[in-house]
Amino acid sequence: MKYMKRYFKLLKEIPRLLGANGDPLKIVQDENVIQRWQDAQRSKLSNKLYNLEWADIGVILDDPYVLVLRDLVEFPSGSCGGYIRLFNRAYLEKGAAGVVMLPEQDGKLLIMKIFRHATRNWHWEIPRGFGEPGINAQEQAREELKDEVGGEVAEIINLGLYFSNTGLEGNPIHLFLVKMISVGMPNWKVGIDKLLWVSVSEFEQMIASGEITDGFTIAAYARAKLKSLI
């Protein structure tokens, strides 16, 4: 039960992690039920020479940036299984989970070429960033634009919330259209190689051709377009 103490403390401190009583997927909180399931699961894993930690329930990763939980979930059929979900730490510490900004100036949109560690590849994206504990989304958006592209902001327009992967990530991301006063140089220290201003039609062609593949970028564009803001 080494993962359980922090886990139950979190569920008590942040009730939204549990959801509502009528939810079809119920989070099991009875430690005896959890222990029996873990024992049975570890036996199955052992027989197949798999990692026994795959049966652990609780906080299975406590990182400076993300928290990963494995809940024991009871499904509508009555069967139970371990189910992982991931949260940006800032979201659990009274901050925004993350922010995505679509910069606009004089009818053109700003994209940046950035190298991403996860894919080990270059991507055309708009600026975004992890949230910070205790900092609201608009304040975080301003800071990210200043840090990544040296941007000075005229106006921030809220485009709403976005969930990038509802099967895994439990926190919403804030989308913004940002009217820019000016933009400076790309921040090479975080892997940004170049900045490019494009028309809306050029932006759309880059999505259609597969040059832009980042889901956050496509989501922010779609929200702004469908709201007739660009």
Protein backbone atom coordinates (compact mmCIF):
# COMPACT_ATOMS: atom_id res chain seq x y z
CA MET A 1 0.00 0.00 0.00
CA LYS A 2 3.00 2.32 -0.42
CA TYR A 3 1.18 4.46 -3.00
CA MET A 4 -2.05 4.79 -1.00
CA LYS A 5 -1.40 7.35 1.75
CA ARG A 6 -0.78 10.27 -0.63
CA TYR A 7 -3.62 9.03 -2.84
CA PHE A 8 -6.34 9.07 -0.20
CA LYS A 9 -5.10 12.44 1.06
CA LEU A 10 -5.52 13.85 -2.46
CA LEU A 11 -9.02 12.43 -2.86
CA LYS A 12 -10.01 14.02 0.44
CA GLU A 13 -8.44 17.41 -0.33
CA ILE A 14 -9.70 17.60 -3.94
CA PRO A 15 -13.22 16.08 -4.09
CA ARG A 16 -13.54 16.69 -7.86
CA LEU A 17 -11.04 13.86 -8.36
CA LEU A 18 -13.78 11.48 -7.19
CA GLY A 19 -16.53 12.83 -9.46
CA ALA A 20 -20.23 12.49 -8.59
CA ASN A 21 -22.11 9.68 -6.85
CA GLY A 22 -24.05 8.73 -9.98
CA ASP A 23 -21.06 8.38 -12.30
CA PRO A 24 -21.11 5.09 -14.25
CA LEU A 25 -17.40 4.47 -13.56
CA LYS A 26 -17.01 4.42 -9.79
CA ILE A 27 -13.70 4.91 -7.98
CA VAL A 28 -13.25 2.23 -5.34
CA GLN A 29 -12.17 3.68 -1.99
CA ASP A 30 -12.48 0.63 0.26
CA GLU A 31 -8.89 -0.31 1.14
CA ASN A 32 -9.82 -3.94 1.74
CA VAL A 33 -11.40 -4.25 -1.71
CA ILE A 34 -8.36 -2.56 -3.25
CA GLN A 35 -5.99 -4.90 -1.40
CA ARG A 36 -7.86 -8.01 -2.55
CA TRP A 37 -7.85 -6.81 -6.15
CA GLN A 38 -4.13 -6.02 -5.98
CA ASP A 39 -3.31 -9.45 -4.54
CA ALA A 40 -5.27 -11.19 -7.30
CA GLN A 41 -3.78 -8.97 -9.98
CA ARG A 42 -0.21 -9.49 -8.75
CA SER A 43 -0.77 -13.25 -8.86
CA LYS A 44 -1.82 -13.00 -12.51
CA LEU A 45 1.11 -10.74 -13.34
CA SER A 46 3.57 -13.03 -11.57
CA ASN A 47 2.36 -16.03 -13.59
CA LYS A 48 3.08 -14.12 -16.79
CA LEU A 49 6.41 -12.72 -15.48
CA TYR A 50 5.10 -9.16 -15.79
CA ASN A 51 5.97 -6.19 -13.56
CA LEU A 52 4.08 -6.55 -10.27
CA GLU A 53 3.90 -2.76 -9.89
CA TRP A 54 1.29 -2.76 -12.68
CA ALA A 55 -1.15 -3.74 -9.93
CA ASP A 56 -0.35 -0.75 -7.70
CA ILE A 57 -3.25 1.57 -6.95
CA GLY A 58 -2.66 5.17 -5.87
CA VAL A 59 -0.19 7.90 -6.79
CA ILE A 60 2.20 6.01 -9.06
CA LEU A 61 4.19 9.04 -10.24
CA ASP A 62 4.74 12.21 -8.22
CA ASP A 63 6.70 14.53 -10.49
CA PRO A 64 7.45 18.29 -10.29
CA TYR A 65 5.20 18.78 -13.32
CA VAL A 66 2.71 15.91 -13.46
CA LEU A 67 0.92 13.55 -11.12
CA VAL A 68 -0.15 10.10 -12.34
CA LEU A 69 -2.86 8.18 -10.51
CA ARG A 70 -3.95 4.59 -10.96
CA ASP A 71 -7.48 4.23 -9.60
CA LEU A 72 -9.33 1.00 -9.02
CA VAL A 73 -12.47 1.59 -11.08
CA GLU A 74 -15.72 -0.35 -10.89
CA PHE A 75 -17.33 -0.48 -14.34
CA PRO A 76 -21.10 -0.65 -15.03
CA SER A 77 -20.75 -4.42 -15.52
CA GLY A 78 -19.57 -4.75 -11.90
CA SER A 79 -16.03 -5.75 -12.87
CA CYS A 80 -13.05 -3.77 -11.56
CA GLY A 81 -9.81 -2.69 -13.19
CA GLY A 82 -6.90 -0.34 -12.74
CA TYR A 83 -7.30 2.88 -14.73
CA ILE A 84 -4.55 5.50 -15.12
CA ARG A 85 -5.12 9.24 -15.31
CA LEU A 86 -2.66 12.11 -15.48
CA PHE A 87 -2.86 15.65 -14.10
CA ASN A 88 -0.68 18.72 -14.48
CA ARG A 89 0.41 19.45 -10.93
CA ALA A 90 -0.53 23.14 -11.23
CA TYR A 91 -4.19 22.20 -11.76
CA LEU A 92 -4.23 20.46 -8.39
CA GLU A 93 -2.48 23.40 -6.72
CA LYS A 94 -4.93 26.21 -7.58
CA GLY A 95 -3.40 27.17 -10.90
CA ALA A 96 -4.19 26.66 -14.56
CA ALA A 97 -3.24 23.25 -15.92
CA GLY A 98 -1.94 24.74 -19.13
CA VAL A 99 -2.45 27.53 -21.63
CA VAL A 100 -2.46 27.70 -25.43
CA MET A 101 -2.25 31.03 -27.25
CA LEU A 102 -3.11 31.81 -30.89
CA PRO A 103 -1.29 35.11 -31.56
CA GLU A 104 -2.87 37.46 -34.12
CA GLN A 105 -1.69 40.76 -35.52
CA ASP A 106 -2.93 42.66 -38.59
CA GLY A 107 -4.96 39.67 -39.77
CA LYS A 108 -2.06 37.22 -39.62
CA LEU A 109 -1.39 34.36 -37.21
CA LEU A 110 1.93 33.51 -35.59
CA ILE A 111 3.33 29.99 -35.61
CA MET A 112 6.70 28.79 -34.39
CA LYS A 113 8.97 25.92 -35.34
CA ILE A 114 9.87 24.06 -32.16
CA PHE A 115 11.68 20.83 -31.34
CA ARG A 116 9.70 18.54 -29.04
CA HIS A 117 11.38 15.96 -26.86
CA ALA A 118 8.42 13.57 -26.75
CA THR A 119 8.37 13.06 -30.52
CA ARG A 120 12.07 13.84 -31.04
CA ASN A 121 11.00 15.96 -33.97
CA TRP A 122 10.28 19.48 -35.19
CA HIS A 123 6.71 20.83 -35.18
CA TRP A 124 4.91 23.96 -36.33
CA GLU A 125 2.86 25.12 -33.32
CA ILE A 126 1.47 28.15 -31.59
CA PRO A 127 2.86 29.11 -28.15
CA ARG A 128 1.69 27.16 -25.13
CA GLY A 129 2.87 26.26 -21.67
CA PHE A 130 2.34 24.29 -18.48
CA GLY A 131 0.50 26.14 -15.78
CA GLU A 132 2.09 27.30 -12.55
CA PRO A 133 0.61 26.67 -9.10
CA GLY A 134 -1.43 29.63 -7.91
CA ILE A 135 -1.21 31.55 -11.21
CA ASN A 136 -4.37 32.13 -13.24
CA ALA A 137 -4.59 31.26 -16.92
CA GLN A 138 -4.48 34.77 -18.39
CA GLU A 139 -1.43 35.73 -16.33
CA GLN A 140 0.26 32.49 -17.40
CA ALA A 141 -0.58 33.19 -21.05
CA ARG A 142 1.11 36.59 -20.90
CA GLU A 143 4.21 35.11 -19.28
CA GLU A 144 4.47 32.29 -21.83
CA LEU A 145 4.21 34.69 -24.79
CA LYS A 146 6.88 36.91 -23.29
CA ASP A 147 9.18 33.96 -22.64
CA GLU A 148 8.73 32.06 -25.91
CA VAL A 149 8.40 34.80 -28.52
CA GLY A 150 9.18 38.05 -26.70
CA GLY A 151 5.57 39.09 -27.21
CA GLU A 152 3.79 42.19 -25.94
CA VAL A 153 0.05 41.63 -25.56
CA ALA A 154 -2.76 44.04 -26.44
CA GLU A 155 -5.77 41.83 -25.67
CA ILE A 156 -6.48 38.25 -24.58
CA ILE A 157 -9.72 36.64 -25.77
CA ASN A 158 -10.90 33.53 -23.98
CA LEU A 159 -11.70 30.66 -26.39
CA GLY A 160 -12.75 28.25 -23.65
CA LEU A 161 -11.44 24.97 -22.29
CA TYR A 162 -10.01 22.01 -24.19
CA PHE A 163 -9.30 18.44 -23.11
CA SER A 164 -6.51 17.02 -25.26
CA ASN A 165 -6.94 13.35 -24.29
CA THR A 166 -10.05 12.47 -22.27
CA GLY A 167 -8.94 8.85 -21.99
CA LEU A 168 -5.83 9.82 -20.02
CA GLU A 169 -5.58 13.48 -18.98
CA GLY A 170 -7.92 14.73 -16.26
CA ASN A 171 -7.35 18.48 -16.53
CA PRO A 172 -8.61 21.14 -18.97
CA ILE A 173 -6.35 23.41 -20.99
CA HIS A 174 -7.20 27.08 -21.54
CA LEU A 175 -7.34 28.29 -25.15
CA PHE A 176 -6.84 31.96 -26.03
CA LEU A 177 -6.77 34.20 -29.07
CA VAL A 178 -4.24 36.91 -28.32
CA LYS A 179 -4.06 40.26 -30.09
CA MET A 180 -0.40 41.18 -30.20
CA ILE A 181 1.26 44.60 -30.05
CA SER A 182 4.64 43.21 -31.01
CA VAL A 183 6.70 40.02 -31.17
CA GLY A 184 10.41 39.68 -30.55
CA MET A 185 12.82 36.81 -31.11
CA PRO A 186 12.21 33.07 -30.70
CA ASN A 187 13.55 31.56 -27.48
CA TRP A 188 16.14 29.08 -28.70
CA LYS A 189 16.80 27.98 -25.11
CA VAL A 190 13.49 26.06 -25.14
CA GLY A 191 13.99 24.68 -28.65
CA ILE A 192 12.21 27.33 -30.76
CA ASP A 193 14.00 27.77 -34.09
CA LYS A 194 11.94 30.34 -35.96
CA LEU A 195 8.73 32.37 -36.02
CA LEU A 196 6.44 32.74 -39.02
CA TRP A 197 3.46 35.01 -39.63
CA VAL A 198 0.88 33.43 -41.95
CA SER A 199 -2.54 34.34 -43.27
CA VAL A 200 -5.58 32.39 -42.08
CA SER A 201 -5.77 30.62 -45.46
CA GLU A 202 -2.07 29.69 -45.25
CA PHE A 203 -2.63 28.41 -41.72
CA GLU A 204 -5.54 26.28 -42.92
CA GLN A 205 -3.47 24.89 -45.79
CA MET A 206 -0.72 23.89 -43.35
CA ILE A 207 -3.30 21.96 -41.33
CA ALA A 208 -4.79 20.35 -44.44
CA SER A 209 -1.37 19.33 -45.79
CA GLY A 210 -0.20 17.87 -42.48
CA GLU A 211 2.49 20.49 -41.87
CA ILE A 212 0.65 21.43 -38.66
CA THR A 213 -0.08 18.30 -36.64
CA ASP A 214 -0.22 19.66 -33.09
CA GLY A 215 -3.66 19.13 -31.55
CA PHE A 216 -3.52 22.23 -29.34
CA THR A 217 -2.75 24.41 -32.35
CA ILE A 218 -5.57 22.94 -34.40
CA ALA A 219 -8.03 23.24 -31.49
CA ALA A 220 -7.27 26.91 -30.84
CA TYR A 221 -7.57 27.72 -34.55
CA ALA A 222 -10.90 25.84 -34.81
CA ARG A 223 -12.38 27.65 -31.80
CA ALA A 224 -11.30 31.09 -33.07
CA LYS A 225 -12.52 30.34 -36.61
CA LEU A 226 -15.90 28.99 -35.55
CA LYS A 227 -16.40 31.98 -33.26
CA SER A 228 -15.71 34.22 -36.31
CA LEU A 229 -12.77 35.83 -34.53
CA ILE A 230 -10.28 35.21 -37.35
